[in-house]
Amino acid sequence: MLRLLLLVGLLACTIPLAAQFLDPIYLQNEYMGNGRDKFLYTDLDGDGKKDLFLANLWATWYKQGDEPEQFIQQQPFALSTREPREIWQQDVDGDLDEDILVLASFPFGYGTTIYWLENLDGNGHFGPHQQLLPSWLEYEFDGFLFADINNDGYGDLINQPDFNGNYENETFINRFDSDSGTPGFVGFEELFPDFTALQQFRDNAVVDLDQDGLLDFMTIGKYEFLGQNYIGLLGSFNSGDPAAPFTDISILLYDVPADLQRWGDLNQDNYPDLLLLREDGVGSIYWNDQAGGLEYGGTVPNFGSLDNMQLLDMDGDNDLDLLKTSTTGADVVGSYARYDSQQDTFEAVQPLPPIDYPVLGTKRIQAVEDFDNDGDLDLLVEIYDNSTGYVL
């Protein structure tokens, strides 16, 4: 099976349709193997240049060389054939060196675990991977939110429900205990055990809605009201209590069927605004009223689906645009809608320019970053073909 990485430059400018791809850079990795590859782009060795970390059946990282286009493969780590879901960079042990956490699932749905790759010296030397959590056999989590919920400098975990059209019956939190002799996660506990009206969770997020310096919990969930079932946005404001940051939950938006939430300061008032999106691509804007509430602000262009939706500045005008990446295998790997700050709305959806290269196979955007530090966004595109091998 061919597994390739294609690093493609996306030239950002203020003209909506002027974005274009520059010459690609090809990287091969012998450890890729199952189509579930995850990437992290960050400075792993403290030299001020961003490196590339990749996890699949194995984990390995590429050091950025003297030239922005030069990546040199470094040490691999066996992950015991687990499938990665997410990667985070976090100082797990409090030694001021950024470690790597890999959320991975066992094959065939036999639970979820987290691996810790300890940064030994801040210079790119990592110890053997450790399994922070035993396999969570009762639930097969689709992902986690990793954020410092209790403001102790360590990241905590909130599970992300399965995003395959399902609702989970509970949401769990696992706080990181930094005071014990061996810092680590203390174990999962139900986030809202007494809120019986909330029946199921769909999509979770953590965001400082009221800008008090504490991360609040938001979920799209099913709830019961006057004997009827509804879908709405529910939230719990952080109490600041390290032992119990979330004690109750309230309905912020009643009866707003949605499947995905994305937060960002669209109107640049220093308060996060909300995009609520349905699985069929229909969506709405909700402005932050700066008092812990949200106000309807219009519709979002229909992208047709919700694959890999993210808010980021695509054209360097300091406005958050909306990007959707695709895994269809076509040369067009995504589409985007620019945000018009004069009208406080999104413009029509435009396709990303096609990628022209002499390799067939499925294309997937794995990261959108400024890889070469020139101020423009670049794309990391993975290419794979299950039937034919190519060498570039």
Protein backbone atom coordinates (compact mmCIF):
# COMPACT_ATOMS: atom_id res chain seq x y z
CA MET A 1 0.00 0.00 0.00
CA LEU A 2 1.37 3.36 -0.91
CA ARG A 3 1.35 5.98 1.81
CA LEU A 4 2.55 9.43 0.81
CA LEU A 5 2.50 12.88 2.28
CA LEU A 6 2.11 15.81 -0.04
CA LEU A 7 2.99 19.22 1.33
CA VAL A 8 1.28 21.81 -0.83
CA GLY A 9 1.61 25.57 -0.51
CA LEU A 10 -1.61 27.58 -0.39
CA LEU A 11 -0.85 31.18 -1.33
CA ALA A 12 -3.02 33.46 0.81
CA CYS A 13 -4.13 36.84 -0.49
CA THR A 14 -7.05 39.24 -0.22
CA ILE A 15 -8.62 38.20 -3.55
CA PRO A 16 -11.16 35.43 -2.85
CA LEU A 17 -10.39 33.19 -5.82
CA ALA A 18 -6.69 33.94 -6.15
CA ALA A 19 -5.56 31.19 -3.76
CA GLN A 20 -3.33 28.74 -5.59
CA PHE A 21 -1.15 25.72 -4.90
CA LEU A 22 2.59 25.97 -5.37
CA ASP A 23 5.03 23.14 -6.11
CA PRO A 24 4.43 20.12 -3.84
CA ILE A 25 6.94 18.43 -1.53
CA TYR A 26 6.67 14.64 -1.21
CA LEU A 27 7.45 12.66 1.94
CA GLN A 28 7.20 8.88 2.23
CA ASN A 29 6.67 7.05 5.50
CA GLU A 30 7.04 3.28 5.76
CA TYR A 31 5.04 3.12 8.97
CA MET A 32 1.75 4.33 7.50
CA GLY A 33 -0.69 1.54 7.01
CA ASN A 34 -4.38 1.81 7.83
CA GLY A 35 -5.75 5.13 6.62
CA ARG A 36 -6.23 6.53 10.13
CA ASP A 37 -3.10 8.67 10.24
CA LYS A 38 -3.04 11.71 12.53
CA PHE A 39 -0.63 14.63 12.42
CA LEU A 40 0.76 17.29 14.75
CA TYR A 41 2.81 20.20 13.45
CA THR A 42 4.90 21.86 16.17
CA ASP A 43 8.46 22.54 17.34
CA LEU A 44 9.49 19.23 18.92
CA ASP A 45 13.21 19.86 19.45
CA GLY A 46 13.34 23.48 20.62
CA ASP A 47 15.16 24.89 17.60
CA GLY A 48 12.40 27.37 16.73
CA LYS A 49 11.33 25.46 13.59
CA LYS A 50 8.14 23.47 13.37
CA ASP A 51 8.48 19.72 12.96
CA LEU A 52 5.97 17.09 11.86
CA PHE A 53 4.72 14.33 14.17
CA LEU A 54 2.75 11.44 12.66
CA ALA A 55 0.86 8.62 14.39
CA ASN A 56 -0.74 5.49 12.92
CA LEU A 57 0.17 1.89 13.72
CA TRP A 58 3.48 3.47 14.62
CA ALA A 59 4.39 6.99 15.60
CA THR A 60 7.34 8.88 14.18
CA TRP A 61 8.39 12.47 13.66
CA TYR A 62 10.14 14.51 11.00
CA LYS A 63 12.61 17.20 11.99
CA GLN A 64 12.49 20.32 9.83
CA GLY A 65 15.94 20.88 8.38
CA ASP A 66 17.77 24.03 7.39
CA GLU A 67 15.29 24.66 4.60
CA PRO A 68 11.52 24.93 5.21
CA GLU A 69 10.91 22.22 2.62
CA GLN A 70 13.35 19.75 4.22
CA PHE A 71 11.99 17.16 6.66
CA ILE A 72 14.22 14.43 8.12
CA GLN A 73 12.68 11.30 9.65
CA GLN A 74 13.52 10.70 13.31
CA GLN A 75 12.83 7.92 15.82
CA PRO A 76 9.72 5.71 15.42
CA PHE A 77 7.55 4.41 18.28
CA ALA A 78 5.46 1.22 18.06
CA LEU A 79 1.88 1.84 19.24
CA SER A 80 1.02 -1.88 19.41
CA THR A 81 -1.30 -1.77 16.37
CA ARG A 82 -3.76 0.64 18.02
CA GLU A 83 -5.54 3.10 15.78
CA PRO A 84 -4.92 6.80 16.58
CA ARG A 85 -7.84 9.19 17.00
CA GLU A 86 -6.28 12.46 18.18
CA ILE A 87 -2.86 13.91 19.05
CA TRP A 88 -2.13 16.65 21.59
CA GLN A 89 0.98 18.44 22.77
CA GLN A 90 0.93 18.93 26.55
CA ASP A 91 3.36 19.14 29.46
CA VAL A 92 2.03 16.04 31.21
CA ASP A 93 4.61 15.73 34.00
CA GLY A 94 5.22 19.41 34.81
CA ASP A 95 8.87 19.51 33.71
CA LEU A 96 8.17 22.39 31.27
CA ASP A 97 8.88 20.16 28.25
CA GLU A 98 5.99 19.61 25.83
CA ASP A 99 5.12 15.91 25.68
CA ILE A 100 2.95 14.09 23.13
CA LEU A 101 -0.37 12.42 23.94
CA VAL A 102 -1.96 10.02 21.43
CA LEU A 103 -5.56 8.94 21.85
CA ALA A 104 -5.84 5.49 20.26
CA SER A 105 -8.50 2.83 19.98
CA PHE A 106 -8.09 -0.91 20.02
CA PRO A 107 -8.97 -2.70 16.76
CA PHE A 108 -12.54 -3.87 16.26
CA GLY A 109 -14.00 -1.54 18.89
CA TYR A 110 -12.41 -3.04 22.01
CA GLY A 111 -11.96 0.21 23.89
CA THR A 112 -9.91 3.39 23.93
CA THR A 113 -6.63 4.30 25.58
CA ILE A 114 -4.11 7.17 25.72
CA TYR A 115 -0.38 6.91 25.10
CA TRP A 116 2.14 9.34 26.55
CA LEU A 117 5.44 9.98 24.75
CA GLU A 118 7.58 11.82 27.30
CA ASN A 119 9.78 14.65 26.06
CA LEU A 120 12.97 13.89 27.97
CA ASP A 121 14.94 17.08 27.43
CA GLY A 122 13.05 19.47 25.14
CA ASN A 123 15.53 18.73 22.36
CA GLY A 124 13.57 16.10 20.46
CA HIS A 125 14.46 13.06 22.54
CA PHE A 126 11.40 11.06 23.61
CA GLY A 127 11.18 8.13 25.99
CA PRO A 128 9.26 4.90 25.31
CA HIS A 129 5.53 5.36 25.10
CA GLN A 130 3.50 4.77 28.26
CA GLN A 131 -0.17 3.87 28.49
CA LEU A 132 -1.70 6.54 30.71
CA LEU A 133 -5.14 4.95 30.88
CA PRO A 134 -6.19 1.32 30.84
CA SER A 135 -8.42 0.38 27.97
CA TRP A 136 -11.83 1.98 28.47
CA LEU A 137 -13.76 -1.15 27.56
CA GLU A 138 -17.30 -0.05 28.39
CA TYR A 139 -17.41 2.82 25.88
CA GLU A 140 -15.79 3.35 22.50
CA PHE A 141 -15.21 7.11 22.56
CA ASP A 142 -14.87 8.88 19.24
CA GLY A 143 -12.52 11.49 20.63
CA PHE A 144 -11.70 13.76 23.54
CA LEU A 145 -11.63 17.44 24.34
CA PHE A 146 -8.29 18.18 25.99
CA ALA A 147 -8.31 21.41 28.01
CA ASP A 148 -7.31 22.76 31.41
CA ILE A 149 -10.75 22.75 33.05
CA ASN A 150 -9.65 23.53 36.62
CA ASN A 151 -6.87 26.02 35.83
CA ASP A 152 -4.06 24.01 37.44
CA GLY A 153 -1.82 24.10 34.38
CA TYR A 154 -2.61 20.52 33.36
CA GLY A 155 -4.99 19.39 30.65
CA ASP A 156 -8.13 17.44 31.53
CA LEU A 157 -10.22 15.15 29.34
CA ILE A 158 -13.89 15.31 28.34
CA ASN A 159 -15.10 12.61 25.99
CA GLN A 160 -16.43 13.55 22.58
CA PRO A 161 -19.53 11.56 21.52
CA ASP A 162 -19.48 9.35 18.46
CA PHE A 163 -20.03 11.59 15.40
CA ASN A 164 -21.71 8.96 13.27
CA GLY A 165 -25.29 10.11 13.64
CA ASN A 166 -25.50 8.79 17.19
CA TYR A 167 -26.14 10.35 20.58
CA GLU A 168 -24.33 9.18 23.71
CA ASN A 169 -26.26 8.77 26.95
CA GLU A 170 -23.55 10.29 29.14
CA THR A 171 -20.58 12.61 28.96
CA PHE A 172 -17.59 11.92 31.20
CA ILE A 173 -14.75 14.02 32.59
CA ASN A 174 -11.32 12.80 33.65
CA ARG A 175 -9.34 15.40 35.56
CA PHE A 176 -5.55 15.40 35.71
CA ASP A 177 -4.30 15.21 39.30
CA SER A 178 -1.13 17.27 39.57
CA ASP A 179 -0.83 17.07 43.38
CA SER A 180 -0.26 13.34 43.78
CA GLY A 181 3.16 11.73 43.95
CA THR A 182 2.69 10.37 40.46
CA PRO A 183 0.68 12.92 38.45
CA GLY A 184 -1.90 11.38 36.18
CA PHE A 185 -5.56 11.11 35.29
CA VAL A 186 -7.77 10.10 38.20
CA GLY A 187 -10.48 8.24 36.26
CA PHE A 188 -13.67 8.93 34.38
CA GLU A 189 -16.75 10.20 36.15
CA GLU A 190 -20.09 11.27 34.76
CA LEU A 191 -20.15 15.01 34.15
CA PHE A 192 -23.80 15.68 35.02
CA PRO A 193 -25.11 12.68 36.99
CA ASP A 194 -28.12 14.53 38.44
CA PHE A 195 -29.40 16.33 35.34
CA THR A 196 -32.09 13.84 34.38
CA ALA A 197 -33.77 16.11 31.81
CA LEU A 198 -30.69 15.93 29.58
CA GLN A 199 -31.02 12.61 27.84
CA GLN A 200 -28.24 12.41 25.28
CA PHE A 201 -25.17 14.28 24.01
CA ARG A 202 -24.30 14.90 20.35
CA ASP A 203 -21.29 17.24 20.10
CA ASN A 204 -19.28 18.72 22.96
CA ALA A 205 -17.04 21.80 23.15
CA VAL A 206 -15.19 23.82 25.78
CA VAL A 207 -15.05 27.58 25.33
CA ASP A 208 -14.87 30.64 27.59
CA LEU A 209 -18.30 31.95 26.63
CA ASP A 210 -18.50 34.71 29.25
CA GLN A 211 -14.79 35.65 29.13
CA ASP A 212 -14.18 35.19 32.86
CA GLY A 213 -10.97 33.24 32.29
CA LEU A 214 -12.62 29.84 32.88
CA LEU A 215 -13.49 27.31 30.20
CA ASP A 216 -17.22 26.52 30.01
CA PHE A 217 -18.82 23.33 28.70
CA MET A 218 -21.17 23.38 25.69
CA THR A 219 -23.05 20.48 24.14
CA ILE A 220 -25.59 19.85 21.43
CA GLY A 221 -27.96 17.49 23.17
CA LYS A 222 -31.40 16.00 23.34
CA TYR A 223 -33.50 17.13 26.28
CA GLU A 224 -37.03 16.74 27.56
CA PHE A 225 -39.30 19.75 28.12
CA LEU A 226 -42.97 19.51 29.07
CA GLY A 227 -43.09 15.92 27.95
CA GLN A 228 -41.57 16.59 24.51
CA ASN A 229 -38.07 15.79 23.22
CA TYR A 230 -36.01 18.59 21.65
CA ILE A 231 -32.47 19.18 20.40
CA GLY A 232 -30.74 22.33 21.58
CA LEU A 233 -27.51 23.92 22.75
CA LEU A 234 -26.93 23.34 26.44
CA GLY A 235 -24.17 24.83 28.54
CA SER A 236 -22.59 24.74 31.96
CA PHE A 237 -20.54 27.70 33.20
CA ASN A 238 -17.31 26.86 35.00
CA SER A 239 -17.63 27.45 38.74
CA GLY A 240 -13.88 27.70 39.29
CA ASP A 241 -13.99 24.85 41.83
CA PRO A 242 -11.14 22.46 40.89
CA ALA A 243 -13.00 19.48 42.34
CA ALA A 244 -16.34 20.22 40.64
CA PRO A 245 -15.98 22.78 37.84
CA PHE A 246 -19.38 21.95 36.34
CA THR A 247 -22.31 21.55 38.71
CA ASP A 248 -25.40 22.26 36.61
CA ILE A 249 -26.39 22.69 32.99
CA SER A 250 -28.93 24.97 31.35
CA ILE A 251 -30.53 25.35 27.93
CA LEU A 252 -28.91 28.22 26.01
CA LEU A 253 -30.70 27.70 22.68
CA TYR A 254 -34.06 25.94 22.60
CA ASP A 255 -35.12 23.66 19.75
CA VAL A 256 -32.24 24.28 17.32
CA PRO A 257 -31.59 20.95 15.54
CA ALA A 258 -27.85 20.78 14.91
CA ASP A 259 -25.03 18.26 14.73
CA LEU A 260 -21.84 20.31 15.01
CA GLN A 261 -20.67 23.46 16.81
CA ARG A 262 -17.75 25.67 15.91
CA TRP A 263 -16.66 28.66 18.02
CA GLY A 264 -14.65 31.73 17.04
CA ASP A 265 -14.62 35.51 17.41
CA LEU A 266 -16.24 36.35 14.08
CA ASN A 267 -16.98 40.04 14.71
CA GLN A 268 -13.74 40.67 16.63
CA ASP A 269 -15.32 41.91 19.85
CA ASN A 270 -13.15 39.53 21.95
CA TYR A 271 -16.11 37.23 22.68
CA PRO A 272 -16.49 33.83 20.96
CA ASP A 273 -19.40 33.49 18.54
CA LEU A 274 -21.06 30.25 17.47
CA LEU A 275 -21.71 28.40 14.23
CA LEU A 276 -24.35 25.69 14.57
CA LEU A 277 -24.30 23.26 11.64
CA ARG A 278 -26.52 20.38 10.62
CA GLU A 279 -25.30 17.16 9.05
CA ASP A 280 -26.76 18.19 5.68
CA GLY A 281 -24.62 21.36 5.69
CA VAL A 282 -27.29 23.88 6.76
CA GLY A 283 -26.09 26.23 9.49
CA SER A 284 -26.64 29.42 11.47
CA ILE A 285 -24.56 32.13 13.14
CA TYR A 286 -25.18 33.09 16.77
CA TRP A 287 -23.54 36.20 18.18
CA ASN A 288 -22.21 36.31 21.73
CA ASP A 289 -24.27 38.89 23.63
CA GLN A 290 -21.38 39.39 26.13
CA ALA A 291 -23.71 38.44 28.98
CA GLY A 292 -23.49 34.65 28.82
CA GLY A 293 -26.06 34.31 26.04
CA LEU A 294 -26.35 34.02 22.26
CA GLU A 295 -28.36 35.90 19.62
CA TYR A 296 -29.30 34.67 16.14
CA GLY A 297 -27.17 36.27 13.42
CA GLY A 298 -28.16 34.71 10.10
CA THR A 299 -27.39 31.64 8.03
CA VAL A 300 -24.16 29.93 6.97
CA PRO A 301 -23.55 28.87 3.33
CA ASN A 302 -24.44 25.24 2.74
CA PHE A 303 -21.33 23.10 2.21
CA GLY A 304 -23.40 19.95 1.66
CA SER A 305 -21.90 18.03 4.58
CA LEU A 306 -19.87 18.54 7.74
CA ASP A 307 -16.61 16.78 6.90
CA ASN A 308 -13.74 18.42 8.79
CA MET A 309 -15.23 21.90 9.20
CA GLN A 310 -12.96 24.49 10.81
CA LEU A 311 -12.74 28.24 11.32
CA LEU A 312 -9.45 29.90 10.36
CA ASP A 313 -8.14 32.96 8.56
CA MET A 314 -7.67 31.74 4.98
CA ASP A 315 -6.68 35.02 3.34
CA GLY A 316 -4.77 37.04 5.93
CA ASP A 317 -7.44 39.70 6.56
CA ASN A 318 -7.78 38.72 10.27
CA ASP A 319 -11.35 37.45 9.71
CA LEU A 320 -12.19 33.82 10.46
CA ASP A 321 -13.24 32.01 7.28
CA LEU A 322 -14.91 28.61 7.10
CA LEU A 323 -13.02 25.68 5.56
CA LYS A 324 -14.35 22.21 4.75
CA THR A 325 -11.91 19.50 3.69
CA SER A 326 -12.89 16.46 1.66
CA THR A 327 -11.86 12.79 1.50
CA THR A 328 -13.61 11.93 -1.76
CA GLY A 329 -10.46 11.27 -3.76
CA ALA A 330 -11.14 14.07 -6.25
CA ASP A 331 -8.48 16.60 -7.15
CA VAL A 332 -10.53 19.28 -5.37
CA VAL A 333 -9.80 18.47 -1.73
CA GLY A 334 -12.05 21.03 -0.09
CA SER A 335 -14.03 24.24 -0.22
CA TYR A 336 -14.23 27.44 1.78
CA ALA A 337 -16.36 30.50 2.42
CA ARG A 338 -14.73 33.86 3.21
CA TYR A 339 -16.12 35.94 6.04
CA ASP A 340 -17.23 39.45 5.04
CA SER A 341 -16.67 41.67 8.08
CA GLN A 342 -18.55 44.55 6.46
CA GLN A 343 -21.74 42.49 6.16
CA ASP A 344 -21.10 40.23 9.18
CA THR A 345 -21.80 37.15 7.10
CA PHE A 346 -20.09 34.51 4.98
CA GLU A 347 -19.74 34.77 1.22
CA ALA A 348 -20.67 31.97 -1.17
CA VAL A 349 -18.82 28.67 -1.01
CA GLN A 350 -15.83 28.35 -3.34
CA PRO A 351 -13.80 25.18 -4.09
CA LEU A 352 -10.13 25.05 -3.22
CA PRO A 353 -8.00 25.00 -6.36
CA PRO A 354 -7.30 21.46 -7.61
CA ILE A 355 -4.06 19.67 -6.77
CA ASP A 356 -2.26 18.65 -9.95
CA TYR A 357 0.21 15.79 -9.46
CA PRO A 358 0.87 12.49 -11.28
CA VAL A 359 -0.48 10.18 -8.56
CA LEU A 360 -3.93 8.66 -8.30
CA GLY A 361 -5.53 7.86 -4.97
CA THR A 362 -7.57 9.31 -2.15
CA LYS A 363 -6.53 12.75 -0.95
CA ARG A 364 -7.12 14.00 2.56
CA ILE A 365 -6.12 17.34 4.07
CA GLN A 366 -4.50 16.50 7.39
CA ALA A 367 -3.34 19.93 8.53
CA VAL A 368 -3.64 23.61 7.63
CA GLU A 369 -0.60 25.49 8.93
CA ASP A 370 2.01 28.04 7.94
CA PHE A 371 4.67 25.38 7.34
CA ASP A 372 7.40 27.64 5.97
CA ASN A 373 6.78 30.68 8.21
CA ASP A 374 6.10 33.02 5.30
CA GLY A 375 2.77 34.28 6.69
CA ASP A 376 0.65 32.19 4.30
CA LEU A 377 -1.34 29.07 5.08
CA ASP A 378 -0.14 25.77 3.62
CA LEU A 379 -1.88 22.42 3.30
CA LEU A 380 -0.61 19.01 4.37
CA VAL A 381 -2.33 16.53 2.05
CA GLU A 382 -2.11 12.78 2.51
CA ILE A 383 -2.36 10.56 -0.58
CA TYR A 384 -2.90 6.83 -0.47
CA ASP A 385 -3.79 4.07 -2.89
CA ASN A 386 -4.86 0.64 -1.69
CA SER A 387 -4.16 -1.22 -4.92
CA THR A 388 -1.11 0.17 -6.69
CA GLY A 389 2.33 1.14 -5.37
CA TYR A 390 4.07 4.29 -6.53
CA VAL A 391 7.48 5.64 -5.63
CA LEU A 392 8.15 9.36 -6.05
